[in-house]
Amino acid sequence: MTWVLLGEMFNNKIRAAALSVAAAMQWVANFLVSTTFPPILQYFGLGSAYGLYTIAAAISLFFVLFFIKETKGIELEDM
């Protein structure tokens, strides 16, 4: 879903640069999750680790629902 959204939300003028920045941020986020999970698991337990990531997912869901605009029926260059 992430790659579909990223491919559809940038116009042709900035698409290459925007996709590269977005992909880099995706890798940074993956790195943060993979490096923070073992210490959180060790010191706080599995429930806390999953709870923290669940809160982050809920915040991102809120962001998508309220700040990402619907693009159905809109030409790419009109966005």
PDB file of N, CA and C in Angstrom:
ATOM      1  N   MET A   1       0.822  -1.190   0.000  1.00  0.00           N
ATOM      2  CA  MET A   1       0.000   0.000   0.000  1.00  0.00           C
ATOM      3  C   MET A   1       0.868   1.256   0.000  1.00  0.00           C
ATOM      4  N   THR A   2       1.956   1.215   0.724  1.00  0.00           N
ATOM      5  CA  THR A   2       2.828   2.381   0.811  1.00  0.00           C
ATOM      6  C   THR A   2       3.338   2.801  -0.561  1.00  0.00           C
ATOM      7  N   TRP A   3       3.786   1.830  -1.345  1.00  0.00           N
ATOM      8  CA  TRP A   3       4.375   2.162  -2.644  1.00  0.00           C
ATOM      9  C   TRP A   3       3.314   2.627  -3.626  1.00  0.00           C
ATOM     10  N   VAL A   4       2.114   2.119  -3.529  1.00  0.00           N
ATOM     11  CA  VAL A   4       1.035   2.587  -4.391  1.00  0.00           C
ATOM     12  C   VAL A   4       0.712   4.039  -4.051  1.00  0.00           C
ATOM     13  N   LEU A   5       0.584   4.332  -2.775  1.00  0.00           N
ATOM     14  CA  LEU A   5       0.284   5.699  -2.348  1.00  0.00           C
ATOM     15  C   LEU A   5       1.390   6.653  -2.785  1.00  0.00           C
ATOM     16  N   LEU A   6       2.628   6.274  -2.579  1.00  0.00           N
ATOM     17  CA  LEU A   6       3.730   7.158  -2.947  1.00  0.00           C
ATOM     18  C   LEU A   6       3.791   7.381  -4.454  1.00  0.00           C
ATOM     19  N   GLY A   7       3.528   6.351  -5.225  1.00  0.00           N
ATOM     20  CA  GLY A   7       3.555   6.495  -6.670  1.00  0.00           C
ATOM     21  C   GLY A   7       2.446   7.356  -7.218  1.00  0.00           C
ATOM     22  N   GLU A   8       1.370   7.511  -6.461  1.00  0.00           N
ATOM     23  CA  GLU A   8       0.206   8.256  -6.944  1.00  0.00           C
ATOM     24  C   GLU A   8       0.108   9.671  -6.391  1.00  0.00           C
ATOM     25  N   MET A   9       0.874  10.003  -5.388  1.00  0.00           N
ATOM     26  CA  MET A   9       0.644  11.291  -4.743  1.00  0.00           C
ATOM     27  C   MET A   9       1.579  12.414  -5.186  1.00  0.00           C
ATOM     28  N   PHE A  10       2.578  12.096  -5.982  1.00  0.00           N
ATOM     29  CA  PHE A  10       3.507  13.134  -6.433  1.00  0.00           C
ATOM     30  C   PHE A  10       3.344  13.352  -7.925  1.00  0.00           C
ATOM     31  N   ASN A  11       3.384  14.620  -8.348  1.00  0.00           N
ATOM     32  CA  ASN A  11       3.279  14.879  -9.782  1.00  0.00           C
ATOM     33  C   ASN A  11       4.608  14.564 -10.460  1.00  0.00           C
ATOM     34  N   ASN A  12       4.599  14.583 -11.781  1.00  0.00           N
ATOM     35  CA  ASN A  12       5.764  14.141 -12.541  1.00  0.00           C
ATOM     36  C   ASN A  12       7.001  15.007 -12.337  1.00  0.00           C
ATOM     37  N   LYS A  13       6.824  16.272 -11.997  1.00  0.00           N
ATOM     38  CA  LYS A  13       7.971  17.172 -11.832  1.00  0.00           C
ATOM     39  C   LYS A  13       8.846  16.776 -10.647  1.00  0.00           C
ATOM     40  N   ILE A  14       8.229  16.320  -9.576  1.00  0.00           N
ATOM     41  CA  ILE A  14       9.006  16.020  -8.369  1.00  0.00           C
ATOM     42  C   ILE A  14       8.996  14.541  -8.005  1.00  0.00           C
ATOM     43  N   ARG A  15       8.385  13.706  -8.825  1.00  0.00           N
ATOM     44  CA  ARG A  15       8.176  12.310  -8.449  1.00  0.00           C
ATOM     45  C   ARG A  15       9.474  11.583  -8.098  1.00  0.00           C
ATOM     46  N   ALA A  16      10.499  11.687  -8.919  1.00  0.00           N
ATOM     47  CA  ALA A  16      11.737  10.945  -8.665  1.00  0.00           C
ATOM     48  C   ALA A  16      12.372  11.360  -7.341  1.00  0.00           C
ATOM     49  N   ALA A  17      12.489  12.660  -7.121  1.00  0.00           N
ATOM     50  CA  ALA A  17      13.090  13.147  -5.879  1.00  0.00           C
ATOM     51  C   ALA A  17      12.224  12.801  -4.667  1.00  0.00           C
ATOM     52  N   ALA A  18      10.928  12.976  -4.812  1.00  0.00           N
ATOM     53  CA  ALA A  18      10.017  12.708  -3.700  1.00  0.00           C
ATOM     54  C   ALA A  18      10.005  11.223  -3.342  1.00  0.00           C
ATOM     55  N   LEU A  19      10.007  10.349  -4.342  1.00  0.00           N
ATOM     56  CA  LEU A  19      10.034   8.913  -4.058  1.00  0.00           C
ATOM     57  C   LEU A  19      11.336   8.496  -3.400  1.00  0.00           C
ATOM     58  N   SER A  20      12.446   9.116  -3.800  1.00  0.00           N
ATOM     59  CA  SER A  20      13.713   8.756  -3.169  1.00  0.00           C
ATOM     60  C   SER A  20      13.752   9.200  -1.706  1.00  0.00           C
ATOM     61  N   VAL A  21      13.228  10.377  -1.414  1.00  0.00           N
ATOM     62  CA  VAL A  21      13.164  10.840  -0.018  1.00  0.00           C
ATOM     63  C   VAL A  21      12.219   9.962   0.790  1.00  0.00           C
ATOM     64  N   ALA A  22      11.072   9.631   0.218  1.00  0.00           N
ATOM     65  CA  ALA A  22      10.102   8.785   0.915  1.00  0.00           C
ATOM     66  C   ALA A  22      10.667   7.389   1.166  1.00  0.00           C
ATOM     67  N   ALA A  23      11.370   6.826   0.198  1.00  0.00           N
ATOM     68  CA  ALA A  23      11.980   5.501   0.384  1.00  0.00           C
ATOM     69  C   ALA A  23      13.061   5.550   1.451  1.00  0.00           C
ATOM     70  N   ALA A  24      13.844   6.617   1.470  1.00  0.00           N
ATOM     71  CA  ALA A  24      14.873   6.761   2.501  1.00  0.00           C
ATOM     72  C   ALA A  24      14.238   6.840   3.897  1.00  0.00           C
ATOM     73  N   MET A  25      13.149   7.585   4.006  1.00  0.00           N
ATOM     74  CA  MET A  25      12.477   7.682   5.304  1.00  0.00           C
ATOM     75  C   MET A  25      11.859   6.347   5.717  1.00  0.00           C
ATOM     76  N   GLN A  26      11.399   5.575   4.752  1.00  0.00           N
ATOM     77  CA  GLN A  26      10.875   4.236   5.048  1.00  0.00           C
ATOM     78  C   GLN A  26      11.978   3.345   5.616  1.00  0.00           C
ATOM     79  N   TRP A  27      13.160   3.413   5.029  1.00  0.00           N
ATOM     80  CA  TRP A  27      14.287   2.629   5.536  1.00  0.00           C
ATOM     81  C   TRP A  27      14.716   3.108   6.923  1.00  0.00           C
ATOM     82  N   VAL A  28      14.672   4.405   7.163  1.00  0.00           N
ATOM     83  CA  VAL A  28      14.998   4.930   8.496  1.00  0.00           C
ATOM     84  C   VAL A  28      13.997   4.412   9.519  1.00  0.00           C
ATOM     85  N   ALA A  29      12.725   4.428   9.178  1.00  0.00           N
ATOM     86  CA  ALA A  29      11.701   3.919  10.091  1.00  0.00           C
ATOM     87  C   ALA A  29      11.890   2.429  10.351  1.00  0.00           C
ATOM     88  N   ASN A  30      12.189   1.660   9.310  1.00  0.00           N
ATOM     89  CA  ASN A  30      12.448   0.228   9.499  1.00  0.00           C
ATOM     90  C   ASN A  30      13.649   0.003  10.399  1.00  0.00           C
ATOM     91  N   PHE A  31      14.697   0.805  10.216  1.00  0.00           N
ATOM     92  CA  PHE A  31      15.886   0.692  11.063  1.00  0.00           C
ATOM     93  C   PHE A  31      15.548   1.007  12.517  1.00  0.00           C
ATOM     94  N   LEU A  32      14.765   2.050  12.740  1.00  0.00           N
ATOM     95  CA  LEU A  32      14.403   2.422  14.117  1.00  0.00           C
ATOM     96  C   LEU A  32      13.596   1.323  14.802  1.00  0.00           C
ATOM     97  N   VAL A  33      12.662   0.737  14.097  1.00  0.00           N
ATOM     98  CA  VAL A  33      11.865  -0.336  14.693  1.00  0.00           C
ATOM     99  C   VAL A  33      12.749  -1.540  15.003  1.00  0.00           C
ATOM    100  N   SER A  34      13.598  -1.926  14.062  1.00  0.00           N
ATOM    101  CA  SER A  34      14.423  -3.127  14.274  1.00  0.00           C
ATOM    102  C   SER A  34      15.495  -2.931  15.333  1.00  0.00           C
ATOM    103  N   THR A  35      15.941  -1.699  15.554  1.00  0.00           N
ATOM    104  CA  THR A  35      16.945  -1.481  16.596  1.00  0.00           C
ATOM    105  C   THR A  35      16.332  -1.189  17.964  1.00  0.00           C
ATOM    106  N   THR A  36      15.114  -0.681  18.008  1.00  0.00           N
ATOM    107  CA  THR A  36      14.505  -0.395  19.309  1.00  0.00           C
ATOM    108  C   THR A  36      13.743  -1.586  19.885  1.00  0.00           C
ATOM    109  N   PHE A  37      13.328  -2.521  19.043  1.00  0.00           N
ATOM    110  CA  PHE A  37      12.535  -3.643  19.539  1.00  0.00           C
ATOM    111  C   PHE A  37      13.277  -4.499  20.568  1.00  0.00           C
ATOM    112  N   PRO A  38      14.519  -4.945  20.321  1.00  0.00           N
ATOM    113  CA  PRO A  38      15.188  -5.793  21.330  1.00  0.00           C
ATOM    114  C   PRO A  38      15.352  -5.138  22.705  1.00  0.00           C
ATOM    115  N   PRO A  39      15.807  -3.864  22.795  1.00  0.00           N
ATOM    116  CA  PRO A  39      15.909  -3.273  24.140  1.00  0.00           C
ATOM    117  C   PRO A  39      14.555  -3.084  24.830  1.00  0.00           C
ATOM    118  N   ILE A  40      13.538  -2.683  24.062  1.00  0.00           N
ATOM    119  CA  ILE A  40      12.209  -2.517  24.666  1.00  0.00           C
ATOM    120  C   ILE A  40      11.700  -3.866  25.162  1.00  0.00           C
ATOM    121  N   LEU A  41      11.910  -4.894  24.372  1.00  0.00           N
ATOM    122  CA  LEU A  41      11.496  -6.236  24.771  1.00  0.00           C
ATOM    123  C   LEU A  41      12.221  -6.680  26.032  1.00  0.00           C
ATOM    124  N   GLN A  42      13.513  -6.436  26.104  1.00  0.00           N
ATOM    125  CA  GLN A  42      14.316  -6.871  27.245  1.00  0.00           C
ATOM    126  C   GLN A  42      13.937  -6.136  28.532  1.00  0.00           C
ATOM    127  N   TYR A  43      13.766  -4.816  28.446  1.00  0.00           N
ATOM    128  CA  TYR A  43      13.556  -4.025  29.659  1.00  0.00           C
ATOM    129  C   TYR A  43      12.095  -3.827  30.047  1.00  0.00           C
ATOM    130  N   PHE A  44      11.187  -3.860  29.079  1.00  0.00           N
ATOM    131  CA  PHE A  44       9.793  -3.552  29.382  1.00  0.00           C
ATOM    132  C   PHE A  44       8.821  -4.674  29.067  1.00  0.00           C
ATOM    133  N   GLY A  45       9.232  -5.642  28.262  1.00  0.00           N
ATOM    134  CA  GLY A  45       8.361  -6.763  27.943  1.00  0.00           C
ATOM    135  C   GLY A  45       7.701  -6.643  26.581  1.00  0.00           C
ATOM    136  N   LEU A  46       7.148  -7.766  26.154  1.00  0.00           N
ATOM    137  CA  LEU A  46       6.552  -7.855  24.829  1.00  0.00           C
ATOM    138  C   LEU A  46       5.315  -6.963  24.688  1.00  0.00           C
ATOM    139  N   GLY A  47       4.495  -6.925  25.708  1.00  0.00           N
ATOM    140  CA  GLY A  47       3.286  -6.103  25.651  1.00  0.00           C
ATOM    141  C   GLY A  47       3.597  -4.627  25.472  1.00  0.00           C
ATOM    142  N   SER A  48       4.611  -4.143  26.155  1.00  0.00           N
ATOM    143  CA  SER A  48       4.994  -2.736  26.018  1.00  0.00           C
ATOM    144  C   SER A  48       5.542  -2.442  24.630  1.00  0.00           C
ATOM    145  N   ALA A  49       6.333  -3.371  24.109  1.00  0.00           N
ATOM    146  CA  ALA A  49       6.885  -3.170  22.761  1.00  0.00           C
ATOM    147  C   ALA A  49       5.767  -3.094  21.741  1.00  0.00           C
ATOM    148  N   TYR A  50       4.868  -4.064  21.767  1.00  0.00           N
ATOM    149  CA  TYR A  50       3.755  -4.053  20.819  1.00  0.00           C
ATOM    150  C   TYR A  50       2.831  -2.870  21.078  1.00  0.00           C
ATOM    151  N   GLY A  51       2.650  -2.495  22.327  1.00  0.00           N
ATOM    152  CA  GLY A  51       1.815  -1.342  22.649  1.00  0.00           C
ATOM    153  C   GLY A  51       2.372  -0.055  22.068  1.00  0.00           C
ATOM    154  N   LEU A  52       3.687   0.126  22.170  1.00  0.00           N
ATOM    155  CA  LEU A  52       4.323   1.316  21.621  1.00  0.00           C
ATOM    156  C   LEU A  52       4.140   1.387  20.107  1.00  0.00           C
ATOM    157  N   TYR A  53       4.347   0.272  19.432  1.00  0.00           N
ATOM    158  CA  TYR A  53       4.195   0.255  17.975  1.00  0.00           C
ATOM    159  C   TYR A  53       2.718   0.354  17.569  1.00  0.00           C
ATOM    160  N   THR A  54       1.823  -0.124  18.406  1.00  0.00           N
ATOM    161  CA  THR A  54       0.391   0.026  18.137  1.00  0.00           C
ATOM    162  C   THR A  54      -0.022   1.488  18.232  1.00  0.00           C
ATOM    163  N   ILE A  55       0.516   2.193  19.200  1.00  0.00           N
ATOM    164  CA  ILE A  55       0.233   3.627  19.333  1.00  0.00           C
ATOM    165  C   ILE A  55       0.755   4.379  18.108  1.00  0.00           C
ATOM    166  N   ALA A  56       1.953   4.029  17.654  1.00  0.00           N
ATOM    167  CA  ALA A  56       2.506   4.669  16.467  1.00  0.00           C
ATOM    168  C   ALA A  56       1.633   4.392  15.247  1.00  0.00           C
ATOM    169  N   ALA A  57       1.126   3.167  15.116  1.00  0.00           N
ATOM    170  CA  ALA A  57       0.251   2.827  13.993  1.00  0.00           C
ATOM    171  C   ALA A  57      -1.066   3.593  14.086  1.00  0.00           C
ATOM    172  N   ALA A  58      -1.596   3.756  15.283  1.00  0.00           N
ATOM    173  CA  ALA A  58      -2.842   4.500  15.453  1.00  0.00           C
ATOM    174  C   ALA A  58      -2.652   5.974  15.086  1.00  0.00           C
ATOM    175  N   ILE A  59      -1.521   6.535  15.458  1.00  0.00           N
ATOM    176  CA  ILE A  59      -1.230   7.924  15.092  1.00  0.00           C
ATOM    177  C   ILE A  59      -1.126   8.058  13.572  1.00  0.00           C
ATOM    178  N   SER A  60      -0.471   7.095  12.931  1.00  0.00           N
ATOM    179  CA  SER A  60      -0.353   7.165  11.473  1.00  0.00           C
ATOM    180  C   SER A  60      -1.718   6.977  10.807  1.00  0.00           C
ATOM    181  N   LEU A  61      -2.572   6.138  11.363  1.00  0.00           N
ATOM    182  CA  LEU A  61      -3.922   5.979  10.822  1.00  0.00           C
ATOM    183  C   LEU A  61      -4.699   7.286  10.922  1.00  0.00           C
ATOM    184  N   PHE A  62      -4.601   7.939  12.065  1.00  0.00           N
ATOM    185  CA  PHE A  62      -5.241   9.251  12.244  1.00  0.00           C
ATOM    186  C   PHE A  62      -4.733  10.239  11.200  1.00  0.00           C
ATOM    187  N   PHE A  63      -3.425  10.248  10.991  1.00  0.00           N
ATOM    188  CA  PHE A  63      -2.829  11.145  10.002  1.00  0.00           C
ATOM    189  C   PHE A  63      -3.380  10.875   8.606  1.00  0.00           C
ATOM    190  N   VAL A  64      -3.436   9.613   8.217  1.00  0.00           N
ATOM    191  CA  VAL A  64      -3.936   9.253   6.882  1.00  0.00           C
ATOM    192  C   VAL A  64      -5.400   9.626   6.729  1.00  0.00           C
ATOM    193  N   LEU A  65      -6.205   9.335   7.724  1.00  0.00           N
ATOM    194  CA  LEU A  65      -7.636   9.623   7.625  1.00  0.00           C
ATOM    195  C   LEU A  65      -7.936  11.111   7.510  1.00  0.00           C
ATOM    196  N   PHE A  66      -7.171  11.940   8.191  1.00  0.00           N
ATOM    197  CA  PHE A  66      -7.510  13.351   8.246  1.00  0.00           C
ATOM    198  C   PHE A  66      -6.639  14.269   7.390  1.00  0.00           C
ATOM    199  N   PHE A  67      -5.482  13.811   6.941  1.00  0.00           N
ATOM    200  CA  PHE A  67      -4.590  14.708   6.214  1.00  0.00           C
ATOM    201  C   PHE A  67      -4.225  14.260   4.803  1.00  0.00           C
ATOM    202  N   ILE A  68      -4.448  12.998   4.438  1.00  0.00           N
ATOM    203  CA  ILE A  68      -4.165  12.538   3.082  1.00  0.00           C
ATOM    204  C   ILE A  68      -5.441  12.695   2.261  1.00  0.00           C
ATOM    205  N   LYS A  69      -5.349  13.448   1.195  1.00  0.00           N
ATOM    206  CA  LYS A  69      -6.528  13.749   0.388  1.00  0.00           C
ATOM    207  C   LYS A  69      -6.853  12.595  -0.557  1.00  0.00           C
ATOM    208  N   GLU A  70      -8.128  12.422  -0.834  1.00  0.00           N
ATOM    209  CA  GLU A  70      -8.594  11.422  -1.797  1.00  0.00           C
ATOM    210  C   GLU A  70      -8.205  11.876  -3.195  1.00  0.00           C
ATOM    211  N   THR A  71      -7.671  10.959  -4.000  1.00  0.00           N
ATOM    212  CA  THR A  71      -7.225  11.299  -5.340  1.00  0.00           C
ATOM    213  C   THR A  71      -8.071  10.644  -6.427  1.00  0.00           C
ATOM    214  N   LYS A  72      -9.140  10.000  -6.050  1.00  0.00           N
ATOM    215  CA  LYS A  72      -9.994   9.328  -7.041  1.00  0.00           C
ATOM    216  C   LYS A  72     -10.612  10.358  -7.981  1.00  0.00           C
ATOM    217  N   GLY A  73     -10.435  10.111  -9.282  1.00  0.00           N
ATOM    218  CA  GLY A  73     -11.018  10.994 -10.283  1.00  0.00           C
ATOM    219  C   GLY A  73     -10.248  12.265 -10.547  1.00  0.00           C
ATOM    220  N   ILE A  74      -9.088  12.431  -9.939  1.00  0.00           N
ATOM    221  CA  ILE A  74      -8.276  13.638 -10.133  1.00  0.00           C
ATOM    222  C   ILE A  74      -7.066  13.277 -11.000  1.00  0.00           C
ATOM    223  N   GLU A  75      -6.808  14.087 -12.014  1.00  0.00           N
ATOM    224  CA  GLU A  75      -5.633  13.862 -12.850  1.00  0.00           C
ATOM    225  C   GLU A  75      -4.358  14.066 -12.031  1.00  0.00           C
ATOM    226  N   LEU A  76      -3.321  13.324 -12.372  1.00  0.00           N
ATOM    227  CA  LEU A  76      -2.073  13.373 -11.621  1.00  0.00           C
ATOM    228  C   LEU A  76      -1.495  14.776 -11.590  1.00  0.00           C
ATOM    229  N   GLU A  77      -1.525  15.470 -12.696  1.00  0.00           N
ATOM    230  CA  GLU A  77      -0.942  16.819 -12.748  1.00  0.00           C
ATOM    231  C   GLU A  77      -1.805  17.864 -12.055  1.00  0.00           C
ATOM    232  N   ASP A  78      -3.041  17.531 -11.715  1.00  0.00           N
ATOM    233  CA  ASP A  78      -3.909  18.469 -11.001  1.00  0.00           C
ATOM    234  C   ASP A  78      -3.749  18.369  -9.485  1.00  0.00           C
ATOM    235  N   MET A  79      -3.008  17.413  -9.029  1.00  0.00           N
ATOM    236  CA  MET A  79      -2.817  17.254  -7.587  1.00  0.00           C
ATOM    237  C   MET A  79      -1.748  18.168  -7.066  1.00  0.00           C
TER     238      MET A  79
END
